[in-house]
Amino acid sequence: MTLHAPRTIPKLAALLLAAGESARFGGRKQLADIKGRPMIGHTLDRLTAVPELECFVVLGAFGDEIAPLVGPAAHIVHNPDWASGMGSSIASGIDAVCAQGAFDGVLITLCDQVALTSMDYDQLIARFDGSQIIATRHKNGFGVPALFPGNLFDSLKGLTGPSGARNILNGSRHDVVGIDLPNARFDIDTQDDLRTVLKQPA
């Protein structure tokens, strides 16, 4: 009988991006009520339920109001350059992740993807082999949530501007494994989006 070595459990960080000013929403989207929980707490509940993940939250606009709602569930990263776009928030978050120790990968997700469940994040982790990007298929290409291996941390640290990691995910230089996560289709940019999401079954 052949014995197989047990699968090594990777050390993974989760980077929750929540630094924007939510202009289309009317401000303070991170505090919007999602079925009895502020959006930031609702999304963190799903992330912290995944035992493989050590959570980091990047704050910027309204950070002083949002930070108390994070509590001990995650490391808080303040991005003073949040207004320049999502790229700087990813770069700030990766700096903080690296300062906490050696991680095999980082899962990047958004505060307003409130339909995602812990099982959705589990699907990404289950496909992770430590060398390839595991990303969500969207109609316009790969996007977040996405799990990046440690060998891309330097590239993530160099991001700037509003496009986030889109060029890394959809360029030709890196191997990307795409998976379908129907719950990732729902995000909240406007008050109408919020009303639509709240109509979805719990």
N, C-alpha and C. Protein backbone atom coordinates (compact mmCIF):
# COMPACT_ATOMS: atom_id res chain seq x y z
N MET A 1 0.86 -1.20 0.00
CA MET A 1 0.00 0.00 0.00
C MET A 1 0.88 1.24 0.00
N THR A 2 0.59 2.16 -0.91
CA THR A 2 1.36 3.39 -1.01
C THR A 2 0.78 4.43 -0.06
N LEU A 3 1.66 5.01 0.74
CA LEU A 3 1.25 6.06 1.66
C LEU A 3 1.55 7.41 1.04
N HIS A 4 0.58 8.29 1.10
CA HIS A 4 0.77 9.63 0.55
C HIS A 4 1.01 10.61 1.71
N ALA A 5 1.96 11.50 1.48
CA ALA A 5 2.24 12.52 2.49
C ALA A 5 1.02 13.42 2.64
N PRO A 6 0.71 13.84 3.86
CA PRO A 6 -0.44 14.73 4.05
C PRO A 6 -0.21 16.06 3.32
N ARG A 7 -1.29 16.65 2.82
CA ARG A 7 -1.19 17.93 2.12
C ARG A 7 -0.80 19.02 3.11
N THR A 8 0.22 19.76 2.75
CA THR A 8 0.67 20.86 3.60
C THR A 8 -0.35 22.00 3.53
N ILE A 9 -0.76 22.47 4.68
CA ILE A 9 -1.72 23.57 4.72
C ILE A 9 -0.96 24.88 4.54
N PRO A 10 -1.29 25.65 3.51
CA PRO A 10 -0.56 26.90 3.28
C PRO A 10 -0.92 27.95 4.33
N LYS A 11 0.01 28.85 4.56
CA LYS A 11 -0.24 29.99 5.43
C LYS A 11 -0.74 31.14 4.55
N LEU A 12 -1.97 31.53 4.76
CA LEU A 12 -2.62 32.48 3.87
C LEU A 12 -3.12 33.70 4.62
N ALA A 13 -3.01 34.85 3.97
CA ALA A 13 -3.60 36.09 4.47
C ALA A 13 -4.82 36.44 3.62
N ALA A 14 -5.77 37.09 4.23
CA ALA A 14 -6.90 37.67 3.50
C ALA A 14 -6.78 39.18 3.58
N LEU A 15 -6.86 39.83 2.43
CA LEU A 15 -6.74 41.28 2.37
C LEU A 15 -8.08 41.85 1.92
N LEU A 16 -8.80 42.46 2.86
CA LEU A 16 -10.12 43.03 2.59
C LEU A 16 -9.96 44.52 2.31
N LEU A 17 -10.32 44.92 1.11
CA LEU A 17 -10.17 46.32 0.70
C LEU A 17 -11.44 47.10 1.04
N ALA A 18 -11.28 48.12 1.89
CA ALA A 18 -12.44 48.89 2.37
C ALA A 18 -12.06 50.35 2.55
N ALA A 19 -11.24 50.88 1.63
CA ALA A 19 -10.67 52.21 1.82
C ALA A 19 -11.36 53.31 1.03
N GLY A 20 -12.25 52.99 0.11
CA GLY A 20 -12.81 54.00 -0.77
C GLY A 20 -13.82 54.91 -0.11
N GLU A 21 -14.10 56.04 -0.79
CA GLU A 21 -15.06 57.00 -0.24
C GLU A 21 -16.48 56.73 -0.71
N SER A 22 -16.69 55.78 -1.61
CA SER A 22 -18.03 55.34 -2.03
C SER A 22 -18.87 56.49 -2.54
N ALA A 23 -18.33 57.26 -3.48
CA ALA A 23 -19.02 58.44 -3.98
C ALA A 23 -20.35 58.08 -4.64
N ARG A 24 -20.39 57.00 -5.42
CA ARG A 24 -21.63 56.63 -6.11
C ARG A 24 -22.70 56.16 -5.13
N PHE A 25 -22.27 55.65 -3.99
CA PHE A 25 -23.20 55.18 -2.99
C PHE A 25 -23.74 56.32 -2.14
N GLY A 26 -22.93 57.39 -2.05
CA GLY A 26 -23.30 58.50 -1.19
C GLY A 26 -22.47 58.56 0.08
N GLY A 27 -21.35 57.81 0.10
CA GLY A 27 -20.44 57.84 1.25
C GLY A 27 -20.72 56.78 2.28
N ARG A 28 -19.66 56.37 2.95
CA ARG A 28 -19.74 55.44 4.10
C ARG A 28 -20.45 54.12 3.77
N LYS A 29 -20.20 53.62 2.59
CA LYS A 29 -20.79 52.34 2.20
C LYS A 29 -20.41 51.23 3.16
N GLN A 30 -19.19 51.30 3.69
CA GLN A 30 -18.70 50.26 4.60
C GLN A 30 -19.57 50.11 5.85
N LEU A 31 -20.36 51.15 6.15
CA LEU A 31 -21.21 51.13 7.35
C LEU A 31 -22.66 50.76 7.03
N ALA A 32 -22.98 50.54 5.75
CA ALA A 32 -24.36 50.23 5.37
C ALA A 32 -24.85 48.97 6.06
N ASP A 33 -26.11 48.97 6.44
CA ASP A 33 -26.69 47.83 7.14
C ASP A 33 -26.98 46.70 6.16
N ILE A 34 -26.38 45.55 6.41
CA ILE A 34 -26.62 44.35 5.63
C ILE A 34 -27.25 43.31 6.56
N LYS A 35 -28.59 43.33 6.58
CA LYS A 35 -29.33 42.35 7.37
C LYS A 35 -28.87 42.31 8.83
N GLY A 36 -28.75 43.51 9.40
CA GLY A 36 -28.44 43.60 10.82
C GLY A 36 -26.98 43.78 11.17
N ARG A 37 -26.09 43.79 10.18
CA ARG A 37 -24.66 43.99 10.43
C ARG A 37 -24.15 45.07 9.50
N PRO A 38 -23.23 45.93 9.96
CA PRO A 38 -22.61 46.86 9.03
C PRO A 38 -21.84 46.08 7.97
N MET A 39 -21.78 46.61 6.77
CA MET A 39 -21.17 45.89 5.66
C MET A 39 -19.80 45.34 6.01
N ILE A 40 -18.95 46.15 6.65
CA ILE A 40 -17.60 45.70 6.97
C ILE A 40 -17.64 44.49 7.90
N GLY A 41 -18.54 44.50 8.88
CA GLY A 41 -18.65 43.37 9.79
C GLY A 41 -19.22 42.14 9.11
N HIS A 42 -20.19 42.35 8.23
CA HIS A 42 -20.82 41.25 7.49
C HIS A 42 -19.76 40.50 6.67
N THR A 43 -18.95 41.26 5.93
CA THR A 43 -17.94 40.62 5.07
C THR A 43 -16.85 39.96 5.91
N LEU A 44 -16.45 40.62 6.98
CA LEU A 44 -15.42 40.03 7.86
C LEU A 44 -15.90 38.73 8.50
N ASP A 45 -17.18 38.66 8.82
CA ASP A 45 -17.72 37.42 9.40
C ASP A 45 -17.44 36.24 8.49
N ARG A 46 -17.62 36.43 7.19
CA ARG A 46 -17.39 35.34 6.23
C ARG A 46 -15.92 34.99 6.13
N LEU A 47 -15.07 36.00 6.15
CA LEU A 47 -13.63 35.74 6.03
C LEU A 47 -13.07 35.07 7.27
N THR A 48 -13.44 35.57 8.43
CA THR A 48 -12.87 35.03 9.66
C THR A 48 -13.38 33.63 9.98
N ALA A 49 -14.45 33.20 9.30
CA ALA A 49 -14.94 31.84 9.49
C ALA A 49 -14.09 30.81 8.74
N VAL A 50 -13.14 31.28 7.94
CA VAL A 50 -12.24 30.38 7.20
C VAL A 50 -10.95 30.25 8.01
N PRO A 51 -10.69 29.10 8.61
CA PRO A 51 -9.58 28.99 9.55
C PRO A 51 -8.21 29.19 8.93
N GLU A 52 -8.08 28.99 7.63
CA GLU A 52 -6.77 29.13 6.99
C GLU A 52 -6.33 30.58 6.82
N LEU A 53 -7.24 31.53 7.03
CA LEU A 53 -6.97 32.92 6.70
C LEU A 53 -6.67 33.78 7.92
N GLU A 54 -5.60 34.55 7.84
CA GLU A 54 -5.32 35.63 8.80
C GLU A 54 -5.72 36.92 8.11
N CYS A 55 -6.64 37.67 8.72
CA CYS A 55 -7.30 38.76 8.02
C CYS A 55 -6.65 40.13 8.25
N PHE A 56 -6.60 40.90 7.18
CA PHE A 56 -6.12 42.28 7.18
C PHE A 56 -7.17 43.14 6.48
N VAL A 57 -7.44 44.32 7.02
CA VAL A 57 -8.43 45.23 6.43
C VAL A 57 -7.74 46.55 6.12
N VAL A 58 -7.86 46.98 4.86
CA VAL A 58 -7.27 48.26 4.46
C VAL A 58 -8.34 49.34 4.53
N LEU A 59 -8.10 50.36 5.34
CA LEU A 59 -9.03 51.48 5.51
C LEU A 59 -8.40 52.77 4.99
N GLY A 60 -9.26 53.70 4.61
CA GLY A 60 -8.81 55.00 4.13
C GLY A 60 -9.84 56.05 4.47
N ALA A 61 -10.77 56.32 3.54
CA ALA A 61 -11.85 57.27 3.82
C ALA A 61 -12.69 56.76 4.99
N PHE A 62 -13.04 57.67 5.88
CA PHE A 62 -13.86 57.35 7.06
C PHE A 62 -13.22 56.29 7.95
N GLY A 63 -11.91 56.15 7.86
CA GLY A 63 -11.23 55.09 8.61
C GLY A 63 -11.46 55.14 10.11
N ASP A 64 -11.52 56.35 10.67
CA ASP A 64 -11.71 56.48 12.12
C ASP A 64 -13.09 55.97 12.54
N GLU A 65 -14.07 56.06 11.66
CA GLU A 65 -15.42 55.58 11.98
C GLU A 65 -15.54 54.07 11.78
N ILE A 66 -14.80 53.55 10.81
CA ILE A 66 -14.93 52.13 10.46
C ILE A 66 -14.08 51.24 11.36
N ALA A 67 -12.90 51.72 11.76
CA ALA A 67 -11.96 50.89 12.51
C ALA A 67 -12.56 50.25 13.76
N PRO A 68 -13.37 50.97 14.56
CA PRO A 68 -13.93 50.32 15.77
C PRO A 68 -14.81 49.12 15.45
N LEU A 69 -15.36 49.05 14.24
CA LEU A 69 -16.22 47.93 13.87
C LEU A 69 -15.43 46.69 13.46
N VAL A 70 -14.15 46.88 13.20
CA VAL A 70 -13.29 45.74 12.84
C VAL A 70 -12.93 44.95 14.08
N GLY A 71 -12.60 45.68 15.15
CA GLY A 71 -12.27 45.02 16.41
C GLY A 71 -11.05 44.12 16.28
N PRO A 72 -11.01 43.04 17.07
CA PRO A 72 -9.85 42.16 17.07
C PRO A 72 -9.86 41.12 15.96
N ALA A 73 -10.87 41.18 15.09
CA ALA A 73 -11.02 40.14 14.07
C ALA A 73 -9.96 40.21 12.98
N ALA A 74 -9.31 41.36 12.84
CA ALA A 74 -8.35 41.53 11.74
C ALA A 74 -7.34 42.61 12.08
N HIS A 75 -6.21 42.56 11.39
CA HIS A 75 -5.23 43.64 11.46
C HIS A 75 -5.77 44.81 10.63
N ILE A 76 -5.66 46.01 11.15
CA ILE A 76 -6.10 47.20 10.43
C ILE A 76 -4.90 47.86 9.78
N VAL A 77 -5.04 48.15 8.49
CA VAL A 77 -4.00 48.83 7.71
C VAL A 77 -4.58 50.16 7.24
N HIS A 78 -3.95 51.25 7.60
CA HIS A 78 -4.41 52.57 7.16
C HIS A 78 -3.62 52.98 5.92
N ASN A 79 -4.32 53.29 4.86
CA ASN A 79 -3.69 53.72 3.62
C ASN A 79 -3.90 55.22 3.45
N PRO A 80 -2.89 56.04 3.73
CA PRO A 80 -3.07 57.48 3.61
C PRO A 80 -3.25 57.94 2.16
N ASP A 81 -2.88 57.08 1.21
CA ASP A 81 -2.96 57.44 -0.20
C ASP A 81 -4.19 56.80 -0.86
N TRP A 82 -5.23 56.50 -0.05
CA TRP A 82 -6.39 55.78 -0.57
C TRP A 82 -7.04 56.45 -1.77
N ALA A 83 -7.00 57.78 -1.82
CA ALA A 83 -7.69 58.51 -2.89
C ALA A 83 -7.09 58.26 -4.27
N SER A 84 -5.87 57.74 -4.32
CA SER A 84 -5.24 57.49 -5.62
C SER A 84 -5.77 56.23 -6.29
N GLY A 85 -6.50 55.41 -5.54
CA GLY A 85 -7.09 54.24 -6.15
C GLY A 85 -6.76 52.94 -5.45
N MET A 86 -7.37 51.87 -5.94
CA MET A 86 -7.27 50.57 -5.31
C MET A 86 -5.85 50.01 -5.31
N GLY A 87 -5.05 50.39 -6.31
CA GLY A 87 -3.68 49.89 -6.38
C GLY A 87 -2.89 50.21 -5.13
N SER A 88 -3.01 51.43 -4.64
CA SER A 88 -2.26 51.82 -3.44
C SER A 88 -2.75 51.07 -2.20
N SER A 89 -4.04 50.74 -2.16
CA SER A 89 -4.56 49.98 -1.02
C SER A 89 -4.03 48.55 -1.02
N ILE A 90 -3.94 47.95 -2.21
CA ILE A 90 -3.34 46.62 -2.29
C ILE A 90 -1.88 46.67 -1.87
N ALA A 91 -1.14 47.67 -2.38
CA ALA A 91 0.28 47.79 -2.04
C ALA A 91 0.46 47.98 -0.53
N SER A 92 -0.34 48.83 0.09
CA SER A 92 -0.25 49.05 1.54
C SER A 92 -0.57 47.77 2.29
N GLY A 93 -1.60 47.06 1.82
CA GLY A 93 -1.99 45.83 2.49
C GLY A 93 -0.91 44.75 2.40
N ILE A 94 -0.29 44.62 1.24
CA ILE A 94 0.76 43.61 1.09
C ILE A 94 1.97 43.95 1.96
N ASP A 95 2.30 45.23 2.06
CA ASP A 95 3.38 45.63 2.98
C ASP A 95 3.07 45.17 4.40
N ALA A 96 1.84 45.37 4.83
CA ALA A 96 1.45 44.97 6.19
C ALA A 96 1.47 43.46 6.36
N VAL A 97 1.02 42.73 5.35
CA VAL A 97 1.04 41.27 5.39
C VAL A 97 2.47 40.77 5.55
N CYS A 98 3.37 41.30 4.74
CA CYS A 98 4.77 40.87 4.79
C CYS A 98 5.42 41.22 6.11
N ALA A 99 4.99 42.32 6.73
CA ALA A 99 5.56 42.70 8.03
C ALA A 99 5.16 41.75 9.13
N GLN A 100 4.08 40.97 8.92
CA GLN A 100 3.60 40.02 9.94
C GLN A 100 4.26 38.65 9.83
N GLY A 101 5.02 38.43 8.77
CA GLY A 101 5.68 37.13 8.63
C GLY A 101 5.61 36.61 7.22
N ALA A 102 6.01 35.37 7.04
CA ALA A 102 6.05 34.75 5.72
C ALA A 102 4.71 34.06 5.42
N PHE A 103 4.04 34.52 4.38
CA PHE A 103 2.78 33.93 3.95
C PHE A 103 2.98 33.29 2.58
N ASP A 104 2.28 32.20 2.35
CA ASP A 104 2.36 31.51 1.07
C ASP A 104 1.48 32.16 0.00
N GLY A 105 0.49 32.90 0.44
CA GLY A 105 -0.40 33.55 -0.50
C GLY A 105 -1.29 34.55 0.18
N VAL A 106 -1.94 35.39 -0.63
CA VAL A 106 -2.88 36.38 -0.08
C VAL A 106 -4.15 36.36 -0.92
N LEU A 107 -5.29 36.30 -0.25
CA LEU A 107 -6.60 36.36 -0.90
C LEU A 107 -7.09 37.80 -0.83
N ILE A 108 -7.29 38.40 -2.00
CA ILE A 108 -7.75 39.79 -2.05
C ILE A 108 -9.24 39.79 -2.38
N THR A 109 -10.00 40.52 -1.57
CA THR A 109 -11.45 40.61 -1.79
C THR A 109 -11.93 42.00 -1.41
N LEU A 110 -13.17 42.30 -1.75
CA LEU A 110 -13.73 43.63 -1.57
C LEU A 110 -14.80 43.64 -0.49
N CYS A 111 -14.89 44.76 0.20
CA CYS A 111 -15.86 44.90 1.28
C CYS A 111 -17.29 44.78 0.76
N ASP A 112 -17.54 45.20 -0.49
CA ASP A 112 -18.92 45.28 -0.96
C ASP A 112 -19.39 44.04 -1.71
N GLN A 113 -18.59 42.97 -1.72
CA GLN A 113 -19.04 41.71 -2.32
C GLN A 113 -19.76 40.89 -1.25
N VAL A 114 -20.91 41.39 -0.82
CA VAL A 114 -21.53 40.89 0.40
C VAL A 114 -22.24 39.55 0.24
N ALA A 115 -22.42 39.11 -1.00
CA ALA A 115 -23.08 37.82 -1.20
C ALA A 115 -22.12 36.64 -1.07
N LEU A 116 -20.83 36.91 -1.08
CA LEU A 116 -19.85 35.83 -0.95
C LEU A 116 -19.98 35.15 0.41
N THR A 117 -19.75 33.85 0.41
CA THR A 117 -19.82 33.05 1.64
C THR A 117 -18.45 32.47 1.97
N SER A 118 -18.34 31.93 3.15
CA SER A 118 -17.10 31.25 3.53
C SER A 118 -16.80 30.10 2.58
N MET A 119 -17.83 29.43 2.10
CA MET A 119 -17.63 28.31 1.17
C MET A 119 -17.06 28.78 -0.17
N ASP A 120 -17.41 30.01 -0.58
CA ASP A 120 -16.81 30.56 -1.80
C ASP A 120 -15.31 30.73 -1.62
N TYR A 121 -14.92 31.28 -0.48
CA TYR A 121 -13.48 31.44 -0.22
C TYR A 121 -12.79 30.08 -0.12
N ASP A 122 -13.49 29.10 0.44
CA ASP A 122 -12.94 27.75 0.53
C ASP A 122 -12.63 27.19 -0.86
N GLN A 123 -13.47 27.50 -1.83
CA GLN A 123 -13.24 27.00 -3.19
C GLN A 123 -11.94 27.54 -3.77
N LEU A 124 -11.67 28.79 -3.54
CA LEU A 124 -10.41 29.38 -4.01
C LEU A 124 -9.22 28.69 -3.34
N ILE A 125 -9.32 28.52 -2.03
CA ILE A 125 -8.20 27.93 -1.28
C ILE A 125 -7.96 26.48 -1.71
N ALA A 126 -9.03 25.75 -1.99
CA ALA A 126 -8.89 24.34 -2.36
C ALA A 126 -8.12 24.17 -3.66
N ARG A 127 -8.16 25.17 -4.53
CA ARG A 127 -7.46 25.07 -5.82
C ARG A 127 -6.03 25.61 -5.76
N PHE A 128 -5.66 26.21 -4.64
CA PHE A 128 -4.37 26.89 -4.55
C PHE A 128 -3.22 25.89 -4.42
N ASP A 129 -2.21 26.03 -5.28
CA ASP A 129 -1.05 25.14 -5.23
C ASP A 129 0.24 25.86 -4.87
N GLY A 130 0.14 27.15 -4.53
CA GLY A 130 1.32 27.90 -4.12
C GLY A 130 2.07 28.56 -5.25
N SER A 131 1.67 28.33 -6.49
CA SER A 131 2.41 28.92 -7.61
C SER A 131 1.53 29.66 -8.60
N GLN A 132 0.25 29.29 -8.70
CA GLN A 132 -0.65 29.91 -9.66
C GLN A 132 -1.63 30.85 -8.95
N ILE A 133 -2.10 31.85 -9.70
CA ILE A 133 -3.19 32.70 -9.22
C ILE A 133 -4.51 31.94 -9.38
N ILE A 134 -5.33 31.96 -8.34
CA ILE A 134 -6.67 31.40 -8.42
C ILE A 134 -7.64 32.59 -8.37
N ALA A 135 -8.35 32.82 -9.46
CA ALA A 135 -9.17 34.03 -9.57
C ALA A 135 -10.60 33.70 -9.97
N THR A 136 -11.49 34.64 -9.72
CA THR A 136 -12.89 34.50 -10.08
C THR A 136 -13.09 34.93 -11.53
N ARG A 137 -13.83 34.12 -12.28
CA ARG A 137 -14.20 34.51 -13.64
C ARG A 137 -15.36 35.51 -13.59
N HIS A 138 -15.14 36.65 -14.23
CA HIS A 138 -16.21 37.62 -14.43
C HIS A 138 -16.45 37.77 -15.92
N LYS A 139 -17.51 38.43 -16.31
CA LYS A 139 -17.84 38.51 -17.73
C LYS A 139 -16.79 39.28 -18.53
N ASN A 140 -16.04 40.14 -17.86
CA ASN A 140 -15.02 40.92 -18.56
C ASN A 140 -13.60 40.44 -18.25
N GLY A 141 -13.47 39.23 -17.74
CA GLY A 141 -12.14 38.70 -17.44
C GLY A 141 -12.04 38.23 -16.00
N PHE A 142 -10.82 37.98 -15.57
CA PHE A 142 -10.59 37.54 -14.20
C PHE A 142 -10.64 38.71 -13.25
N GLY A 143 -11.12 38.43 -12.03
CA GLY A 143 -11.19 39.47 -11.01
C GLY A 143 -11.16 38.88 -9.62
N VAL A 144 -11.50 39.72 -8.65
CA VAL A 144 -11.50 39.30 -7.26
C VAL A 144 -12.89 38.78 -6.87
N PRO A 145 -12.94 37.95 -5.84
CA PRO A 145 -11.81 37.53 -5.01
C PRO A 145 -10.83 36.68 -5.80
N ALA A 146 -9.55 36.88 -5.45
CA ALA A 146 -8.48 36.15 -6.11
C ALA A 146 -7.39 35.86 -5.09
N LEU A 147 -6.76 34.71 -5.27
CA LEU A 147 -5.72 34.25 -4.35
C LEU A 147 -4.39 34.28 -5.10
N PHE A 148 -3.47 35.10 -4.61
CA PHE A 148 -2.17 35.31 -5.26
C PHE A 148 -1.08 34.59 -4.48
N PRO A 149 -0.17 33.90 -5.19
CA PRO A 149 0.94 33.24 -4.50
C PRO A 149 1.99 34.25 -4.04
N GLY A 150 2.80 33.82 -3.08
CA GLY A 150 3.81 34.70 -2.51
C GLY A 150 4.81 35.23 -3.50
N ASN A 151 5.05 34.52 -4.60
CA ASN A 151 6.04 35.01 -5.57
C ASN A 151 5.56 36.24 -6.33
N LEU A 152 4.31 36.65 -6.11
CA LEU A 152 3.79 37.87 -6.75
C LEU A 152 3.66 39.03 -5.77
N PHE A 153 4.10 38.83 -4.55
CA PHE A 153 3.95 39.91 -3.56
C PHE A 153 4.68 41.18 -4.00
N ASP A 154 5.89 41.04 -4.56
CA ASP A 154 6.61 42.24 -5.00
C ASP A 154 5.85 42.98 -6.09
N SER A 155 5.23 42.24 -6.99
CA SER A 155 4.43 42.89 -8.04
C SER A 155 3.23 43.61 -7.44
N LEU A 156 2.59 43.00 -6.45
CA LEU A 156 1.44 43.62 -5.80
C LEU A 156 1.86 44.87 -5.01
N LYS A 157 3.04 44.84 -4.45
CA LYS A 157 3.53 46.02 -3.71
C LYS A 157 3.75 47.22 -4.63
N GLY A 158 3.95 46.97 -5.90
CA GLY A 158 4.23 48.05 -6.84
C GLY A 158 3.00 48.63 -7.51
N LEU A 159 1.81 48.17 -7.13
CA LEU A 159 0.60 48.65 -7.79
C LEU A 159 0.27 50.09 -7.40
N THR A 160 -0.27 50.81 -8.36
CA THR A 160 -0.76 52.18 -8.15
C THR A 160 -2.02 52.36 -8.99
N GLY A 161 -2.70 53.46 -8.77
CA GLY A 161 -3.82 53.81 -9.63
C GLY A 161 -5.10 53.05 -9.30
N PRO A 162 -6.14 53.30 -10.11
CA PRO A 162 -7.49 52.79 -9.78
C PRO A 162 -7.77 51.37 -10.24
N SER A 163 -6.92 50.77 -11.06
CA SER A 163 -7.27 49.49 -11.65
C SER A 163 -6.93 48.29 -10.78
N GLY A 164 -6.32 48.52 -9.64
CA GLY A 164 -6.01 47.42 -8.74
C GLY A 164 -5.09 46.41 -9.38
N ALA A 165 -5.42 45.13 -9.22
CA ALA A 165 -4.57 44.05 -9.75
C ALA A 165 -5.07 43.54 -11.10
N ARG A 166 -5.88 44.31 -11.79
CA ARG A 166 -6.50 43.84 -13.03
C ARG A 166 -5.47 43.43 -14.07
N ASN A 167 -4.41 44.21 -14.21
CA ASN A 167 -3.40 43.89 -15.22
C ASN A 167 -2.64 42.61 -14.89
N ILE A 168 -2.42 42.36 -13.61
CA ILE A 168 -1.77 41.11 -13.22
C ILE A 168 -2.67 39.93 -13.53
N LEU A 169 -3.96 40.08 -13.22
CA LEU A 169 -4.90 38.99 -13.41
C LEU A 169 -5.16 38.69 -14.88
N ASN A 170 -5.14 39.71 -15.72
CA ASN A 170 -5.55 39.54 -17.11
C ASN A 170 -4.43 39.76 -18.12
N GLY A 171 -3.21 39.89 -17.63
CA GLY A 171 -2.07 39.96 -18.53
C GLY A 171 -1.66 38.56 -18.98
N SER A 172 -0.59 38.50 -19.73
CA SER A 172 -0.13 37.22 -20.28
C SER A 172 1.08 36.65 -19.54
N ARG A 173 1.51 37.32 -18.48
CA ARG A 173 2.77 36.93 -17.83
C ARG A 173 2.59 35.89 -16.74
N HIS A 174 1.37 35.69 -16.26
CA HIS A 174 1.17 34.83 -15.10
C HIS A 174 0.11 33.77 -15.38
N ASP A 175 0.30 32.61 -14.75
CA ASP A 175 -0.68 31.54 -14.85
C ASP A 175 -1.86 31.85 -13.94
N VAL A 176 -3.06 31.82 -14.49
CA VAL A 176 -4.27 32.10 -13.73
C VAL A 176 -5.24 30.94 -13.92
N VAL A 177 -5.72 30.40 -12.80
CA VAL A 177 -6.76 29.39 -12.83
C VAL A 177 -8.07 30.10 -12.48
N GLY A 178 -9.02 30.04 -13.38
CA GLY A 178 -10.29 30.71 -13.16
C GLY A 178 -11.35 29.77 -12.61
N ILE A 179 -12.13 30.25 -11.66
CA ILE A 179 -13.26 29.47 -11.15
C ILE A 179 -14.50 30.35 -11.17
N ASP A 180 -15.65 29.71 -11.23
CA ASP A 180 -16.92 30.42 -11.26
C ASP A 180 -17.49 30.54 -9.85
N LEU A 181 -17.70 31.77 -9.42
CA LEU A 181 -18.32 32.04 -8.13
C LEU A 181 -19.53 32.94 -8.39
N PRO A 182 -20.70 32.36 -8.57
CA PRO A 182 -21.88 33.17 -8.87
C PRO A 182 -22.14 34.29 -7.87
N ASN A 183 -21.80 34.06 -6.60
CA ASN A 183 -22.04 35.09 -5.59
C ASN A 183 -21.17 36.32 -5.77
N ALA A 184 -20.08 36.19 -6.53
CA ALA A 184 -19.20 37.33 -6.75
C ALA A 184 -19.79 38.33 -7.74
N ARG A 185 -20.89 37.95 -8.39
CA ARG A 185 -21.53 38.87 -9.34
C ARG A 185 -22.19 40.05 -8.63
N PHE A 186 -22.50 39.86 -7.36
CA PHE A 186 -23.20 40.89 -6.60
C PHE A 186 -22.19 41.76 -5.86
N ASP A 187 -22.15 43.03 -6.22
CA ASP A 187 -21.43 43.99 -5.40
C ASP A 187 -22.29 45.25 -5.28
N ILE A 188 -21.91 46.11 -4.39
CA ILE A 188 -22.77 47.25 -4.07
C ILE A 188 -22.02 48.54 -4.39
N ASP A 189 -22.47 49.21 -5.44
CA ASP A 189 -21.89 50.50 -5.79
C ASP A 189 -22.86 51.65 -5.51
N THR A 190 -24.15 51.37 -5.55
CA THR A 190 -25.17 52.41 -5.39
C THR A 190 -26.22 51.96 -4.38
N GLN A 191 -27.07 52.90 -4.00
CA GLN A 191 -28.18 52.55 -3.10
C GLN A 191 -29.13 51.55 -3.76
N ASP A 192 -29.31 51.65 -5.07
CA ASP A 192 -30.14 50.67 -5.78
C ASP A 192 -29.53 49.27 -5.68
N ASP A 193 -28.20 49.18 -5.81
CA ASP A 193 -27.53 47.88 -5.65
C ASP A 193 -27.81 47.30 -4.27
N LEU A 194 -27.75 48.16 -3.26
CA LEU A 194 -28.00 47.69 -1.89
C LEU A 194 -29.41 47.12 -1.77
N ARG A 195 -30.38 47.82 -2.32
CA ARG A 195 -31.77 47.34 -2.24
C ARG A 195 -31.92 46.00 -2.96
N THR A 196 -31.23 45.85 -4.08
CA THR A 196 -31.30 44.60 -4.82
C THR A 196 -30.69 43.45 -4.03
N VAL A 197 -29.53 43.68 -3.42
CA VAL A 197 -28.86 42.63 -2.65
C VAL A 197 -29.69 42.25 -1.45
N LEU A 198 -30.31 43.22 -0.81
CA LEU A 198 -31.10 42.92 0.39
C LEU A 198 -32.34 42.08 0.09
N LYS A 199 -32.75 42.07 -1.17
CA LYS A 199 -33.88 41.24 -1.57
C LYS A 199 -33.49 39.78 -1.77
N GLN A 200 -32.16 39.51 -1.85
CA GLN A 200 -31.71 38.15 -2.07
C GLN A 200 -31.97 37.32 -0.79
N PRO A 201 -32.24 36.02 -0.94
CA PRO A 201 -32.43 35.19 0.25
C PRO A 201 -31.18 35.12 1.07
N ALA A 202 -31.32 34.98 2.39
CA ALA A 202 -30.17 34.95 3.30
C ALA A 202 -29.35 33.69 3.04
